[in-house]
């Protein structure tokens, strides 16, 4: 099983250039898309 790391302020800043709510939402959308893709393969 693939584990998706927890999103914290430091990781959000590293991934998305900031740690705002927009970054958190982007991470959530990306995570959901990844999980759905994994479930269908």
PDB file of N, CA and C in Angstrom:
ATOM      1  N   UNK A   1       0.841  -1.180   0.000  1.00  0.00           N
ATOM      2  CA  UNK A   1       0.000   0.000   0.000  1.00  0.00           C
ATOM      3  C   UNK A   1       0.887   1.244   0.000  1.00  0.00           C
ATOM      4  N   UNK A   2       0.514   2.212  -0.792  1.00  0.00           N
ATOM      5  CA  UNK A   2       1.252   3.468  -0.851  1.00  0.00           C
ATOM      6  C   UNK A   2       0.730   4.385   0.248  1.00  0.00           C
ATOM      7  N   UNK A   3       1.648   4.917   1.027  1.00  0.00           N
ATOM      8  CA  UNK A   3       1.271   5.855   2.087  1.00  0.00           C
ATOM      9  C   UNK A   3       1.511   7.273   1.605  1.00  0.00           C
ATOM     10  N   UNK A   4       0.528   8.120   1.789  1.00  0.00           N
ATOM     11  CA  UNK A   4       0.642   9.522   1.427  1.00  0.00           C
ATOM     12  C   UNK A   4       1.024  10.284   2.692  1.00  0.00           C
ATOM     13  N   UNK A   5       2.103  11.053   2.637  1.00  0.00           N
ATOM     14  CA  UNK A   5       2.564  11.734   3.853  1.00  0.00           C
ATOM     15  C   UNK A   5       1.578  12.784   4.338  1.00  0.00           C
ATOM     16  N   UNK A   6       1.597  13.010   5.633  1.00  0.00           N
ATOM     17  CA  UNK A   6       0.778  14.057   6.225  1.00  0.00           C
ATOM     18  C   UNK A   6       1.232  15.416   5.686  1.00  0.00           C
ATOM     19  N   UNK A   7       0.271  16.295   5.537  1.00  0.00           N
ATOM     20  CA  UNK A   7       0.602  17.644   5.090  1.00  0.00           C
ATOM     21  C   UNK A   7       0.771  18.532   6.315  1.00  0.00           C
ATOM     22  N   UNK A   8       1.942  19.077   6.468  1.00  0.00           N
ATOM     23  CA  UNK A   8       2.172  20.056   7.525  1.00  0.00           C
ATOM     24  C   UNK A   8       2.622  21.358   6.874  1.00  0.00           C
ATOM     25  N   UNK A   9       2.783  22.397   7.664  1.00  0.00           N
ATOM     26  CA  UNK A   9       3.120  23.712   7.106  1.00  0.00           C
ATOM     27  C   UNK A   9       4.424  23.678   6.324  1.00  0.00           C
ATOM     28  N   UNK A  10       5.420  22.991   6.851  1.00  0.00           N
ATOM     29  CA  UNK A  10       6.717  22.916   6.174  1.00  0.00           C
ATOM     30  C   UNK A  10       6.595  22.198   4.834  1.00  0.00           C
ATOM     31  N   UNK A  11       5.892  21.079   4.815  1.00  0.00           N
ATOM     32  CA  UNK A  11       5.733  20.308   3.580  1.00  0.00           C
ATOM     33  C   UNK A  11       4.890  21.067   2.558  1.00  0.00           C
ATOM     34  N   UNK A  12       3.839  21.750   3.013  1.00  0.00           N
ATOM     35  CA  UNK A  12       3.016  22.544   2.095  1.00  0.00           C
ATOM     36  C   UNK A  12       3.853  23.641   1.457  1.00  0.00           C
ATOM     37  N   UNK A  13       4.671  24.306   2.258  1.00  0.00           N
ATOM     38  CA  UNK A  13       5.520  25.368   1.719  1.00  0.00           C
ATOM     39  C   UNK A  13       6.503  24.810   0.695  1.00  0.00           C
ATOM     40  N   UNK A  14       7.058  23.632   0.979  1.00  0.00           N
ATOM     41  CA  UNK A  14       8.014  23.026   0.053  1.00  0.00           C
ATOM     42  C   UNK A  14       7.328  22.582  -1.246  1.00  0.00           C
ATOM     43  N   UNK A  15       6.116  22.032  -1.135  1.00  0.00           N
ATOM     44  CA  UNK A  15       5.423  21.515  -2.309  1.00  0.00           C
ATOM     45  C   UNK A  15       4.794  22.610  -3.165  1.00  0.00           C
ATOM     46  N   UNK A  16       4.221  23.609  -2.513  1.00  0.00           N
ATOM     47  CA  UNK A  16       3.401  24.566  -3.236  1.00  0.00           C
ATOM     48  C   UNK A  16       3.887  26.005  -3.142  1.00  0.00           C
ATOM     49  N   UNK A  17       5.005  26.247  -2.485  1.00  0.00           N
ATOM     50  CA  UNK A  17       5.539  27.592  -2.409  1.00  0.00           C
ATOM     51  C   UNK A  17       4.915  28.460  -1.337  1.00  0.00           C
ATOM     52  N   UNK A  18       3.938  27.931  -0.624  1.00  0.00           N
ATOM     53  CA  UNK A  18       3.328  28.659   0.490  1.00  0.00           C
ATOM     54  C   UNK A  18       2.670  27.653   1.432  1.00  0.00           C
ATOM     55  N   UNK A  19       2.085  28.144   2.489  1.00  0.00           N
ATOM     56  CA  UNK A  19       1.411  27.236   3.419  1.00  0.00           C
ATOM     57  C   UNK A  19      -0.016  27.710   3.675  1.00  0.00           C
ATOM     58  N   UNK A  20      -0.626  28.314   2.676  1.00  0.00           N
ATOM     59  CA  UNK A  20      -1.978  28.848   2.817  1.00  0.00           C
ATOM     60  C   UNK A  20      -3.018  27.762   2.588  1.00  0.00           C
ATOM     61  N   UNK A  21      -4.262  28.130   2.755  1.00  0.00           N
ATOM     62  CA  UNK A  21      -5.363  27.198   2.510  1.00  0.00           C
ATOM     63  C   UNK A  21      -5.394  26.705   1.080  1.00  0.00           C
ATOM     64  N   UNK A  22      -4.953  27.530   0.142  1.00  0.00           N
ATOM     65  CA  UNK A  22      -4.923  27.111  -1.261  1.00  0.00           C
ATOM     66  C   UNK A  22      -3.992  25.924  -1.441  1.00  0.00           C
ATOM     67  N   UNK A  23      -2.863  25.949  -0.769  1.00  0.00           N
ATOM     68  CA  UNK A  23      -1.926  24.828  -0.874  1.00  0.00           C
ATOM     69  C   UNK A  23      -2.539  23.569  -0.278  1.00  0.00           C
ATOM     70  N   UNK A  24      -3.227  23.699   0.840  1.00  0.00           N
ATOM     71  CA  UNK A  24      -3.871  22.553   1.472  1.00  0.00           C
ATOM     72  C   UNK A  24      -4.941  21.976   0.552  1.00  0.00           C
ATOM     73  N   UNK A  25      -5.725  22.832  -0.073  1.00  0.00           N
ATOM     74  CA  UNK A  25      -6.762  22.359  -0.990  1.00  0.00           C
ATOM     75  C   UNK A  25      -6.142  21.666  -2.199  1.00  0.00           C
ATOM     76  N   UNK A  26      -5.075  22.221  -2.733  1.00  0.00           N
ATOM     77  CA  UNK A  26      -4.395  21.604  -3.876  1.00  0.00           C
ATOM     78  C   UNK A  26      -3.860  20.227  -3.504  1.00  0.00           C
ATOM     79  N   UNK A  27      -3.292  20.104  -2.319  1.00  0.00           N
ATOM     80  CA  UNK A  27      -2.787  18.813  -1.848  1.00  0.00           C
ATOM     81  C   UNK A  27      -3.929  17.816  -1.720  1.00  0.00           C
ATOM     82  N   UNK A  28      -5.065  18.254  -1.180  1.00  0.00           N
ATOM     83  CA  UNK A  28      -6.212  17.360  -1.017  1.00  0.00           C
ATOM     84  C   UNK A  28      -6.729  16.883  -2.370  1.00  0.00           C
ATOM     85  N   UNK A  29      -6.828  17.782  -3.329  1.00  0.00           N
ATOM     86  CA  UNK A  29      -7.302  17.408  -4.665  1.00  0.00           C
ATOM     87  C   UNK A  29      -6.338  16.420  -5.314  1.00  0.00           C
ATOM     88  N   UNK A  30      -5.058  16.687  -5.216  1.00  0.00           N
ATOM     89  CA  UNK A  30      -4.045  15.797  -5.784  1.00  0.00           C
ATOM     90  C   UNK A  30      -4.095  14.431  -5.115  1.00  0.00           C
ATOM     91  N   UNK A  31      -4.248  14.417  -3.801  1.00  0.00           N
ATOM     92  CA  UNK A  31      -4.322  13.159  -3.059  1.00  0.00           C
ATOM     93  C   UNK A  31      -5.535  12.346  -3.485  1.00  0.00           C
ATOM     94  N   UNK A  32      -6.693  12.989  -3.587  1.00  0.00           N
ATOM     95  CA  UNK A  32      -7.910  12.269  -3.990  1.00  0.00           C
ATOM     96  C   UNK A  32      -7.765  11.703  -5.400  1.00  0.00           C
ATOM     97  N   UNK A  33      -7.178  12.466  -6.310  1.00  0.00           N
ATOM     98  CA  UNK A  33      -6.989  11.985  -7.678  1.00  0.00           C
ATOM     99  C   UNK A  33      -6.047  10.790  -7.709  1.00  0.00           C
ATOM    100  N   UNK A  34      -4.995  10.842  -6.906  1.00  0.00           N
ATOM    101  CA  UNK A  34      -4.037   9.739  -6.846  1.00  0.00           C
ATOM    102  C   UNK A  34      -4.693   8.478  -6.309  1.00  0.00           C
ATOM    103  N   UNK A  35      -5.458   8.621  -5.242  1.00  0.00           N
ATOM    104  CA  UNK A  35      -6.138   7.465  -4.638  1.00  0.00           C
ATOM    105  C   UNK A  35      -7.119   6.861  -5.625  1.00  0.00           C
ATOM    106  N   UNK A  36      -7.882   7.694  -6.304  1.00  0.00           N
ATOM    107  CA  UNK A  36      -8.841   7.181  -7.277  1.00  0.00           C
ATOM    108  C   UNK A  36      -8.127   6.447  -8.402  1.00  0.00           C
ATOM    109  N   UNK A  37      -7.021   6.998  -8.881  1.00  0.00           N
ATOM    110  CA  UNK A  37      -6.247   6.352  -9.929  1.00  0.00           C
ATOM    111  C   UNK A  37      -5.729   4.994  -9.465  1.00  0.00           C
ATOM    112  N   UNK A  38      -5.245   4.932  -8.242  1.00  0.00           N
ATOM    113  CA  UNK A  38      -4.735   3.671  -7.697  1.00  0.00           C
ATOM    114  C   UNK A  38      -5.846   2.629  -7.558  1.00  0.00           C
ATOM    115  N   UNK A  39      -7.025   3.066  -7.189  1.00  0.00           N
ATOM    116  CA  UNK A  39      -8.153   2.136  -7.029  1.00  0.00           C
ATOM    117  C   UNK A  39      -8.622   1.574  -8.358  1.00  0.00           C
ATOM    118  N   UNK A  40      -8.436   2.308  -9.447  1.00  0.00           N
ATOM    119  CA  UNK A  40      -8.903   1.858 -10.746  1.00  0.00           C
ATOM    120  C   UNK A  40      -7.841   1.075 -11.526  1.00  0.00           C
ATOM    121  N   UNK A  41      -6.639   0.951 -10.995  1.00  0.00           N
ATOM    122  CA  UNK A  41      -5.579   0.189 -11.678  1.00  0.00           C
ATOM    123  C   UNK A  41      -5.300  -1.100 -10.988  1.00  0.00           C
TER     124      UNK A  41
END
